[in-house]
């Protein structure tokens, strides 16, 4: 049995392309989760129930990075964290973000 990817992040400005890519990934069963970023400015996190959260940002890009969760009693597990990335010019930068609850 082939090992699945833990997560795939789709970043595209074209919603139909993201839809088709997601469909292919779901049918191939090659990943545990699929996140879609809208123009690199948003990420949607969904729970198995269908509920979830949308993080939007302007002034930076949004991505995912591997991380380690340190749980109770020192337990560790692999996870991903959302990262905001960008260049900060000498004169500074303005970053705006919003976290919105999504009902499934």
Protein backbone atom coordinates (compact mmCIF):
# COMPACT_ATOMS: atom_id res chain seq x y z
CA UNK A 1 0.00 0.00 0.00
CA UNK A 2 1.35 3.42 -0.94
CA UNK A 3 1.76 6.05 1.77
CA UNK A 4 -0.64 9.00 1.48
CA UNK A 5 0.47 12.61 1.60
CA UNK A 6 -0.65 14.23 4.84
CA UNK A 7 -1.91 17.36 3.07
CA UNK A 8 -2.07 19.08 -0.32
CA UNK A 9 -2.43 22.86 -0.59
CA UNK A 10 -4.01 24.10 -3.83
CA UNK A 11 -3.14 27.69 -4.73
CA UNK A 12 -4.72 29.03 -7.87
CA UNK A 13 -6.65 32.13 -8.92
CA UNK A 14 -9.08 30.04 -10.95
CA UNK A 15 -11.89 28.39 -8.95
CA UNK A 16 -12.81 25.85 -11.70
CA UNK A 17 -9.18 24.70 -11.86
CA UNK A 18 -9.07 24.27 -8.08
CA UNK A 19 -12.34 22.33 -8.24
CA UNK A 20 -11.01 19.95 -10.90
CA UNK A 21 -7.67 19.49 -9.13
CA UNK A 22 -9.47 18.73 -5.87
CA UNK A 23 -11.73 16.21 -7.63
CA UNK A 24 -8.73 14.37 -9.12
CA UNK A 25 -6.93 14.32 -5.75
CA UNK A 26 -10.01 13.01 -3.93
CA UNK A 27 -10.59 10.26 -6.51
CA UNK A 28 -6.94 9.14 -6.41
CA UNK A 29 -7.03 8.84 -2.57
CA UNK A 30 -3.42 10.09 -2.41
CA UNK A 31 -3.83 12.59 0.43
CA UNK A 32 -5.41 12.76 3.87
CA UNK A 33 -6.51 16.41 3.49
CA UNK A 34 -6.82 19.05 0.81
CA UNK A 35 -6.65 22.77 1.56
CA UNK A 36 -7.53 25.39 -1.05
CA UNK A 37 -5.98 28.84 -0.87
CA UNK A 38 -7.71 31.60 -2.77
CA UNK A 39 -5.11 33.63 -4.64
CA UNK A 40 -2.68 32.70 -1.89
CA UNK A 41 -4.70 35.00 0.38
CA UNK A 42 -6.94 32.50 2.19
CA UNK A 43 -6.98 28.96 3.52
CA UNK A 44 -9.98 26.85 4.44
CA UNK A 45 -9.68 24.29 7.25
CA UNK A 46 -12.52 21.77 7.43
CA UNK A 47 -13.39 19.24 10.14
CA UNK A 48 -14.91 15.85 9.23
CA UNK A 49 -18.31 17.27 10.25
CA UNK A 50 -18.05 19.82 7.43
CA UNK A 51 -17.65 22.75 9.80
CA UNK A 52 -14.45 24.69 9.62
CA UNK A 53 -12.58 27.96 9.61
CA UNK A 54 -11.43 30.32 6.85
CA UNK A 55 -8.35 32.46 7.42
CA UNK A 56 -7.98 35.40 5.03
CA UNK A 57 -5.11 37.83 4.86
CA UNK A 58 -3.97 40.77 2.79
CA UNK A 59 -0.48 42.19 2.59
CA UNK A 60 1.07 38.70 2.84
CA UNK A 61 0.75 35.25 1.30
CA UNK A 62 -0.63 32.24 3.15
CA UNK A 63 0.95 28.80 3.16
CA UNK A 64 1.37 25.62 5.16
CA UNK A 65 4.49 24.35 6.90
CA UNK A 66 5.22 21.07 8.64
CA UNK A 67 5.18 21.32 12.41
CA UNK A 68 5.08 19.27 15.59
CA UNK A 69 2.24 19.42 18.10
CA UNK A 70 3.33 18.98 21.71
CA UNK A 71 0.29 17.58 23.46
CA UNK A 72 -0.56 16.39 26.93
CA UNK A 73 2.10 14.56 28.91
CA UNK A 74 4.77 15.46 26.36
CA UNK A 75 3.15 13.54 23.49
CA UNK A 76 4.27 14.68 20.06
CA UNK A 77 2.62 14.34 16.67
CA UNK A 78 3.23 15.66 13.20
CA UNK A 79 0.92 18.40 12.01
CA UNK A 80 0.86 21.44 9.77
CA UNK A 81 0.74 25.08 10.72
CA UNK A 82 -0.56 27.98 8.71
CA UNK A 83 2.13 30.53 7.96
CA UNK A 84 1.89 34.10 6.71
CA UNK A 85 4.78 34.89 4.38
CA UNK A 86 6.04 38.02 2.66
CA UNK A 87 8.70 40.68 2.43
CA UNK A 88 8.73 43.58 4.85
CA UNK A 89 10.02 46.76 3.21
CA UNK A 90 12.10 49.28 5.17
CA UNK A 91 9.07 51.56 5.56
CA UNK A 92 7.08 48.71 7.16
CA UNK A 93 4.04 46.74 6.09
CA UNK A 94 0.35 46.52 6.88
CA UNK A 95 -1.01 43.01 7.33
CA UNK A 96 -4.74 42.48 7.78
CA UNK A 97 -6.27 39.12 8.63
CA UNK A 98 -9.64 37.63 9.57
CA UNK A 99 -10.65 34.23 10.93
CA UNK A 100 -14.24 33.27 10.07
CA UNK A 101 -16.19 30.25 11.28
CA UNK A 102 -17.77 28.22 8.44
CA UNK A 103 -20.81 26.01 8.98
CA UNK A 104 -20.96 22.75 7.00
